[in-house]
Protein backbone atom coordinates (compact mmCIF):
# COMPACT_ATOMS: atom_id res chain seq x y z
CA MET A 1 -74.19 33.78 -58.26
CA ASN A 2 -70.22 33.35 -58.15
CA LYS A 3 -68.53 30.21 -58.68
CA LYS A 4 -67.49 29.47 -55.11
CA ASP A 5 -71.21 29.25 -54.66
CA LEU A 6 -71.48 26.11 -57.32
CA ALA A 7 -70.15 22.74 -57.78
CA VAL A 8 -70.67 19.74 -59.85
CA ILE A 9 -71.72 16.38 -58.22
CA LYS A 10 -71.69 13.23 -59.94
CA ILE A 11 -73.19 9.89 -58.31
CA ILE A 12 -72.74 6.28 -60.02
CA ILE A 13 -74.78 3.64 -58.81
CA SER A 14 -74.25 0.28 -60.56
CA ARG A 15 -75.19 -3.17 -59.70
CA GLY A 16 -71.77 -3.77 -58.07
CA GLU A 17 -69.04 -6.15 -59.00
CA GLY A 18 -69.99 -9.25 -60.74
CA GLY A 19 -68.17 -12.31 -62.17
CA ARG A 20 -66.97 -13.00 -65.39
CA GLY A 21 -69.96 -12.58 -68.29
CA TYR A 22 -73.15 -10.62 -68.28
CA SER A 23 -75.37 -12.32 -65.74
CA ILE A 24 -76.50 -10.41 -63.25
CA ALA A 25 -76.64 -13.41 -60.74
CA GLY A 26 -75.19 -12.93 -57.26
CA LEU A 27 -74.59 -9.29 -57.54
CA ASN A 28 -76.30 -8.19 -54.25
CA LYS A 29 -74.44 -5.01 -53.25
CA ALA A 30 -74.52 -1.75 -55.15
CA THR A 31 -71.34 0.00 -55.90
CA VAL A 32 -71.78 3.63 -55.55
CA ILE A 33 -69.28 6.25 -56.57
CA ILE A 34 -69.47 10.05 -55.68
CA SER A 35 -67.48 12.87 -56.87
CA LEU A 36 -67.20 16.21 -56.04
CA THR A 37 -65.73 18.92 -58.72
CA ASP A 38 -65.60 22.63 -59.18
CA TYR A 39 -67.98 24.12 -61.18
CA PRO A 40 -66.47 24.86 -64.59
CA VAL A 41 -65.98 28.80 -64.77
CA ILE A 42 -66.81 28.62 -68.90
CA TYR A 43 -70.32 27.65 -67.65
CA LEU A 44 -70.60 30.95 -66.06
CA ASN A 45 -68.93 32.77 -69.01
CA GLN A 46 -71.45 31.12 -71.43
CA GLN A 47 -74.61 32.26 -69.44
CA GLN A 48 -73.30 35.59 -70.36
CA THR A 49 -71.98 35.26 -73.80
CA GLY A 50 -74.05 32.40 -75.13
CA ILE A 51 -72.90 29.22 -76.85
CA ASN A 52 -72.80 27.83 -80.58
CA LEU A 53 -74.93 24.86 -81.55
CA ALA A 54 -73.86 22.71 -84.42
CA LEU A 55 -75.43 19.57 -86.22
CA SER A 56 -73.56 16.31 -85.58
CA LYS A 57 -73.11 14.13 -88.55
CA ILE A 58 -73.16 11.03 -86.06
CA PRO A 59 -76.65 9.71 -85.13
CA VAL A 60 -77.53 9.05 -81.55
CA ASN A 61 -78.05 5.31 -81.55
CA SER A 62 -82.37 4.83 -80.70
CA ASN A 63 -82.01 0.77 -80.09
CA CYS A 64 -85.11 -0.08 -78.79
CA TYR A 65 -83.65 -2.93 -76.86
CA LEU A 66 -81.89 -0.83 -74.47
CA ALA A 67 -84.82 1.50 -74.02
CA GLY A 68 -85.02 1.38 -70.12
CA ILE A 69 -81.89 -0.01 -69.31
CA LYS A 70 -79.50 2.74 -67.59
CA HIS A 71 -75.89 2.37 -68.30
CA LEU A 72 -72.89 4.37 -68.78
CA ASN A 73 -72.22 3.46 -72.59
CA ARG A 74 -71.92 6.74 -74.26
CA LEU A 75 -70.04 6.00 -77.69
CA GLU A 76 -72.05 8.09 -79.85
CA GLN A 77 -71.12 10.91 -77.77
CA ILE A 78 -67.33 10.49 -77.66
CA LEU A 79 -67.16 10.41 -81.34
CA ILE A 80 -69.23 13.53 -81.68
CA LYS A 81 -67.06 15.08 -79.35
CA GLN A 82 -63.85 13.60 -81.58
CA GLN A 83 -65.54 15.14 -84.42
CA ILE A 84 -66.38 18.63 -82.98
CA GLU A 85 -62.61 18.48 -81.81
CA CYS A 86 -60.99 18.07 -85.65
């Protein structure tokens, strides 16, 4: 398989645009965002050479109140990426 046969598609479906605050009242039209990007060459290289893993000192939150709620909040992952790059 070569890079020309591959791509990355990202689909985000949200409840849509709302007013001020956190209420979902009046949200009746979803927002759909679709992006298509080139497949990263580094992924093909990693399939051949492997990857390095490490343990992070930053725990991923396991907040039971958020269980089952889909959201785009990935703050722990951002902090972990910053830790790796330092």
